[in-house]
Amino acid sequence: VGGGSGRNAVWLAGLGHAVTVADVST
């Protein structure tokens, strides 16, 4: 939530997780 440019989401996806990042900024 509020993941912006995805620094945490991309790292978690690299660990094999299915990640959704939601943010106000396109």
PDB file of all heavy atoms in Angstrom:
ATOM      1  N   VAL A   1       0.844  -1.197   0.000  1.00  0.00           N
ATOM      2  CA  VAL A   1       0.000   0.000   0.000  1.00  0.00           C
ATOM      3  C   VAL A   1       0.878   1.245   0.000  1.00  0.00           C
ATOM      4  O   VAL A   1       1.763   1.387   0.840  1.00  0.00           O
ATOM      5  CB  VAL A   1      -0.928   0.008   1.240  1.00  0.00           C
ATOM      6  CG1 VAL A   1      -1.753   1.276   1.290  1.00  0.00           C
ATOM      7  CG2 VAL A   1      -1.819  -1.221   1.241  1.00  0.00           C
ATOM      8  N   GLY A   2       0.630   2.140  -0.956  1.00  0.00           N
ATOM      9  CA  GLY A   2       1.446   3.341  -1.071  1.00  0.00           C
ATOM     10  C   GLY A   2       2.870   2.997  -1.471  1.00  0.00           C
ATOM     11  O   GLY A   2       3.815   3.654  -1.064  1.00  0.00           O
ATOM     12  N   GLY A   3       3.008   1.971  -2.307  1.00  0.00           N
ATOM     13  CA  GLY A   3       4.313   1.408  -2.651  1.00  0.00           C
ATOM     14  C   GLY A   3       5.132   2.177  -3.659  1.00  0.00           C
ATOM     15  O   GLY A   3       6.240   1.765  -3.988  1.00  0.00           O
ATOM     16  N   GLY A   4       4.602   3.278  -4.183  1.00  0.00           N
ATOM     17  CA  GLY A   4       5.381   4.165  -5.049  1.00  0.00           C
ATOM     18  C   GLY A   4       6.084   3.467  -6.191  1.00  0.00           C
ATOM     19  O   GLY A   4       5.462   2.767  -6.988  1.00  0.00           O
ATOM     20  N   SER A   5       7.392   3.629  -6.244  1.00  0.00           N
ATOM     21  CA  SER A   5       8.187   3.108  -7.356  1.00  0.00           C
ATOM     22  C   SER A   5       8.519   1.629  -7.220  1.00  0.00           C
ATOM     23  O   SER A   5       9.266   1.089  -8.033  1.00  0.00           O
ATOM     24  CB  SER A   5       9.472   3.924  -7.496  1.00  0.00           C
ATOM     25  OG  SER A   5      10.230   3.845  -6.305  1.00  0.00           O
ATOM     26  N   GLY A   6       7.967   0.981  -6.207  1.00  0.00           N
ATOM     27  CA  GLY A   6       8.044  -0.477  -6.128  1.00  0.00           C
ATOM     28  C   GLY A   6       9.289  -1.071  -5.522  1.00  0.00           C
ATOM     29  O   GLY A   6       9.544  -2.263  -5.696  1.00  0.00           O
ATOM     30  N   ARG A   7      10.047  -0.297  -4.766  1.00  0.00           N
ATOM     31  CA  ARG A   7      11.302  -0.853  -4.229  1.00  0.00           C
ATOM     32  C   ARG A   7      11.061  -2.112  -3.411  1.00  0.00           C
ATOM     33  O   ARG A   7      11.812  -3.067  -3.509  1.00  0.00           O
ATOM     34  CB  ARG A   7      12.063   0.185  -3.414  1.00  0.00           C
ATOM     35  CG  ARG A   7      11.424   0.532  -2.074  1.00  0.00           C
ATOM     36  CD  ARG A   7      12.292   1.524  -1.321  1.00  0.00           C
ATOM     37  NE  ARG A   7      11.693   1.890  -0.046  1.00  0.00           N
ATOM     38  CZ  ARG A   7      12.371   1.930   1.082  1.00  0.00           C
ATOM     39  NH1 ARG A   7      13.645   1.627   1.107  1.00  0.00           N
ATOM     40  NH2 ARG A   7      11.764   2.286   2.190  1.00  0.00           N
ATOM     41  N   ASN A   8      10.004  -2.137  -2.607  1.00  0.00           N
ATOM     42  CA  ASN A   8       9.710  -3.324  -1.799  1.00  0.00           C
ATOM     43  C   ASN A   8       8.999  -4.396  -2.619  1.00  0.00           C
ATOM     44  O   ASN A   8       9.270  -5.584  -2.481  1.00  0.00           O
ATOM     45  CB  ASN A   8       8.868  -2.934  -0.578  1.00  0.00           C
ATOM     46  CG  ASN A   8       9.633  -2.057   0.380  1.00  0.00           C
ATOM     47  OD1 ASN A   8      10.811  -2.273   0.639  1.00  0.00           O
ATOM     48  ND2 ASN A   8       8.970  -1.043   0.911  1.00  0.00           N
ATOM     49  N   ALA A   9       8.082  -3.975  -3.481  1.00  0.00           N
ATOM     50  CA  ALA A   9       7.298  -4.915  -4.284  1.00  0.00           C
ATOM     51  C   ALA A   9       8.189  -5.738  -5.218  1.00  0.00           C
ATOM     52  O   ALA A   9       8.028  -6.960  -5.325  1.00  0.00           O
ATOM     53  CB  ALA A   9       6.241  -4.162  -5.090  1.00  0.00           C
ATOM     54  N   VAL A  10       9.105  -5.095  -5.894  1.00  0.00           N
ATOM     55  CA  VAL A  10       9.980  -5.801  -6.837  1.00  0.00           C
ATOM     56  C   VAL A  10      10.871  -6.790  -6.091  1.00  0.00           C
ATOM     57  O   VAL A  10      11.050  -7.932  -6.525  1.00  0.00           O
ATOM     58  CB  VAL A  10      10.808  -4.790  -7.664  1.00  0.00           C
ATOM     59  CG1 VAL A  10      11.881  -5.492  -8.481  1.00  0.00           C
ATOM     60  CG2 VAL A  10       9.881  -3.963  -8.565  1.00  0.00           C
ATOM     61  N   TRP A  11      11.392  -6.378  -4.960  1.00  0.00           N
ATOM     62  CA  TRP A  11      12.238  -7.274  -4.170  1.00  0.00           C
ATOM     63  C   TRP A  11      11.450  -8.491  -3.707  1.00  0.00           C
ATOM     64  O   TRP A  11      11.927  -9.633  -3.801  1.00  0.00           O
ATOM     65  CB  TRP A  11      12.828  -6.506  -2.996  1.00  0.00           C
ATOM     66  CG  TRP A  11      13.776  -7.322  -2.173  1.00  0.00           C
ATOM     67  CD1 TRP A  11      15.063  -7.663  -2.486  1.00  0.00           C
ATOM     68  CD2 TRP A  11      13.492  -7.910  -0.897  1.00  0.00           C
ATOM     69  NE1 TRP A  11      15.597  -8.435  -1.477  1.00  0.00           N
ATOM     70  CE2 TRP A  11      14.663  -8.590  -0.492  1.00  0.00           C
ATOM     71  CE3 TRP A  11      12.386  -7.917  -0.064  1.00  0.00           C
ATOM     72  CZ2 TRP A  11      14.740  -9.279   0.715  1.00  0.00           C
ATOM     73  CZ3 TRP A  11      12.462  -8.601   1.148  1.00  0.00           C
ATOM     74  CH2 TRP A  11      13.636  -9.263   1.522  1.00  0.00           C
ATOM     75  N   LEU A  12      10.227  -8.274  -3.216  1.00  0.00           N
ATOM     76  CA  LEU A  12       9.390  -9.393  -2.769  1.00  0.00           C
ATOM     77  C   LEU A  12       9.030 -10.318  -3.925  1.00  0.00           C
ATOM     78  O   LEU A  12       9.015 -11.541  -3.766  1.00  0.00           O
ATOM     79  CB  LEU A  12       8.125  -8.862  -2.101  1.00  0.00           C
ATOM     80  CG  LEU A  12       8.316  -8.234  -0.721  1.00  0.00           C
ATOM     81  CD1 LEU A  12       7.080  -7.438  -0.316  1.00  0.00           C
ATOM     82  CD2 LEU A  12       8.657  -9.291   0.324  1.00  0.00           C
ATOM     83  N   ALA A  13       8.746  -9.752  -5.084  1.00  0.00           N
ATOM     84  CA  ALA A  13       8.448 -10.586  -6.257  1.00  0.00           C
ATOM     85  C   ALA A  13       9.653 -11.455  -6.610  1.00  0.00           C
ATOM     86  O   ALA A  13       9.500 -12.613  -7.010  1.00  0.00           O
ATOM     87  CB  ALA A  13       8.040  -9.716  -7.434  1.00  0.00           C
ATOM     88  N   GLY A  14      10.841 -10.910  -6.426  1.00  0.00           N
ATOM     89  CA  GLY A  14      12.061 -11.678  -6.674  1.00  0.00           C
ATOM     90  C   GLY A  14      12.227 -12.855  -5.727  1.00  0.00           C
ATOM     91  O   GLY A  14      12.950 -13.808  -6.032  1.00  0.00           O
ATOM     92  N   LEU A  15      11.550 -12.801  -4.582  1.00  0.00           N
ATOM     93  CA  LEU A  15      11.576 -13.919  -3.630  1.00  0.00           C
ATOM     94  C   LEU A  15      10.496 -14.952  -3.933  1.00  0.00           C
ATOM     95  O   LEU A  15      10.355 -15.936  -3.219  1.00  0.00           O
ATOM     96  CB  LEU A  15      11.384 -13.396  -2.199  1.00  0.00           C
ATOM     97  CG  LEU A  15      12.471 -12.460  -1.659  1.00  0.00           C
ATOM     98  CD1 LEU A  15      12.115 -11.986  -0.254  1.00  0.00           C
ATOM     99  CD2 LEU A  15      13.834 -13.136  -1.670  1.00  0.00           C
ATOM    100  N   GLY A  16       9.697 -14.707  -4.976  1.00  0.00           N
ATOM    101  CA  GLY A  16       8.671 -15.660  -5.375  1.00  0.00           C
ATOM    102  C   GLY A  16       7.265 -15.323  -4.934  1.00  0.00           C
ATOM    103  O   GLY A  16       6.346 -16.132  -5.123  1.00  0.00           O
ATOM    104  N   HIS A  17       7.070 -14.137  -4.374  1.00  0.00           N
ATOM    105  CA  HIS A  17       5.739 -13.731  -3.928  1.00  0.00           C
ATOM    106  C   HIS A  17       4.956 -13.094  -5.084  1.00  0.00           C
ATOM    107  O   HIS A  17       5.542 -12.539  -6.011  1.00  0.00           O
ATOM    108  CB  HIS A  17       5.839 -12.739  -2.766  1.00  0.00           C
ATOM    109  CG  HIS A  17       6.553 -13.287  -1.575  1.00  0.00           C
ATOM    110  ND1 HIS A  17       6.054 -14.327  -0.820  1.00  0.00           N
ATOM    111  CD2 HIS A  17       7.748 -12.963  -1.013  1.00  0.00           C
ATOM    112  CE1 HIS A  17       6.891 -14.598   0.167  1.00  0.00           C
ATOM    113  NE2 HIS A  17       7.930 -13.791   0.065  1.00  0.00           N
ATOM    114  N   ALA A  18       3.630 -13.177  -5.016  1.00  0.00           N
ATOM    115  CA  ALA A  18       2.737 -12.515  -5.976  1.00  0.00           C
ATOM    116  C   ALA A  18       2.381 -11.158  -5.365  1.00  0.00           C
ATOM    117  O   ALA A  18       1.679 -11.096  -4.352  1.00  0.00           O
ATOM    118  CB  ALA A  18       1.482 -13.342  -6.207  1.00  0.00           C
ATOM    119  N   VAL A  19       2.878 -10.080  -5.956  1.00  0.00           N
ATOM    120  CA  VAL A  19       2.802  -8.768  -5.325  1.00  0.00           C
ATOM    121  C   VAL A  19       1.962  -7.802  -6.154  1.00  0.00           C
ATOM    122  O   VAL A  19       2.119  -7.701  -7.371  1.00  0.00           O
ATOM    123  CB  VAL A  19       4.206  -8.166  -5.109  1.00  0.00           C
ATOM    124  CG1 VAL A  19       4.121  -6.853  -4.334  1.00  0.00           C
ATOM    125  CG2 VAL A  19       5.121  -9.148  -4.391  1.00  0.00           C
ATOM    126  N   THR A  20       1.087  -7.078  -5.463  1.00  0.00           N
ATOM    127  CA  THR A  20       0.338  -5.970  -6.037  1.00  0.00           C
ATOM    128  C   THR A  20       0.803  -4.707  -5.337  1.00  0.00           C
ATOM    129  O   THR A  20       0.808  -4.646  -4.104  1.00  0.00           O
ATOM    130  CB  THR A  20      -1.181  -6.147  -5.811  1.00  0.00           C
ATOM    131  OG1 THR A  20      -1.602  -7.339  -6.470  1.00  0.00           O
ATOM    132  CG2 THR A  20      -1.961  -4.963  -6.355  1.00  0.00           C
ATOM    133  N   VAL A  21       1.215  -3.723  -6.104  1.00  0.00           N
ATOM    134  CA  VAL A  21       1.600  -2.436  -5.524  1.00  0.00           C
ATOM    135  C   VAL A  21       0.529  -1.419  -5.898  1.00  0.00           C
ATOM    136  O   VAL A  21       0.131  -1.320  -7.059  1.00  0.00           O
ATOM    137  CB  VAL A  21       3.013  -1.988  -5.958  1.00  0.00           C
ATOM    138  CG1 VAL A  21       3.133  -1.857  -7.450  1.00  0.00           C
ATOM    139  CG2 VAL A  21       3.428  -0.692  -5.288  1.00  0.00           C
ATOM    140  N   ALA A  22       0.022  -0.701  -4.877  1.00  0.00           N
ATOM    141  CA  ALA A  22      -1.026   0.298  -5.083  1.00  0.00           C
ATOM    142  C   ALA A  22      -0.495   1.661  -4.654  1.00  0.00           C
ATOM    143  O   ALA A  22       0.105   1.785  -3.579  1.00  0.00           O
ATOM    144  CB  ALA A  22      -2.268  -0.067  -4.278  1.00  0.00           C
ATOM    145  N   ASP A  23      -0.717   2.664  -5.502  1.00  0.00           N
ATOM    146  CA  ASP A  23      -0.213   4.005  -5.202  1.00  0.00           C
ATOM    147  C   ASP A  23      -1.032   5.023  -5.974  1.00  0.00           C
ATOM    148  O   ASP A  23      -1.649   4.697  -6.999  1.00  0.00           O
ATOM    149  CB  ASP A  23       1.262   4.118  -5.585  1.00  0.00           C
ATOM    150  CG  ASP A  23       1.937   5.292  -4.915  1.00  0.00           C
ATOM    151  OD1 ASP A  23       1.907   6.408  -5.478  1.00  0.00           O
ATOM    152  OD2 ASP A  23       2.489   5.106  -3.814  1.00  0.00           O
ATOM    153  N   VAL A  24      -1.004   6.276  -5.529  1.00  0.00           N
ATOM    154  CA  VAL A  24      -1.715   7.351  -6.209  1.00  0.00           C
ATOM    155  C   VAL A  24      -0.959   7.821  -7.452  1.00  0.00           C
ATOM    156  O   VAL A  24      -1.555   8.335  -8.387  1.00  0.00           O
ATOM    157  CB  VAL A  24      -1.983   8.536  -5.242  1.00  0.00           C
ATOM    158  CG1 VAL A  24      -0.693   9.283  -4.901  1.00  0.00           C
ATOM    159  CG2 VAL A  24      -3.030   9.469  -5.800  1.00  0.00           C
ATOM    160  N   SER A  25       0.350   7.637  -7.492  1.00  0.00           N
ATOM    161  CA  SER A  25       1.182   8.178  -8.563  1.00  0.00           C
ATOM    162  C   SER A  25       1.280   7.234  -9.758  1.00  0.00           C
ATOM    163  O   SER A  25       1.839   6.147  -9.663  1.00  0.00           O
ATOM    164  CB  SER A  25       2.596   8.461  -8.041  1.00  0.00           C
ATOM    165  OG  SER A  25       3.459   8.816  -9.102  1.00  0.00           O
ATOM    166  N   THR A  26       0.781   7.675 -10.894  1.00  0.00           N
ATOM    167  CA  THR A  26       0.918   6.866 -12.106  1.00  0.00           C
ATOM    168  C   THR A  26       2.381   6.770 -12.524  1.00  0.00           C
ATOM    169  O   THR A  26       2.814   5.734 -13.023  1.00  0.00           O
ATOM    170  CB  THR A  26       0.065   7.441 -13.251  1.00  0.00           C
ATOM    171  OG1 THR A  26       0.420   8.808 -13.468  1.00  0.00           O
ATOM    172  CG2 THR A  26      -1.417   7.341 -12.936  1.00  0.00           C
TER     173      THR A  26
END
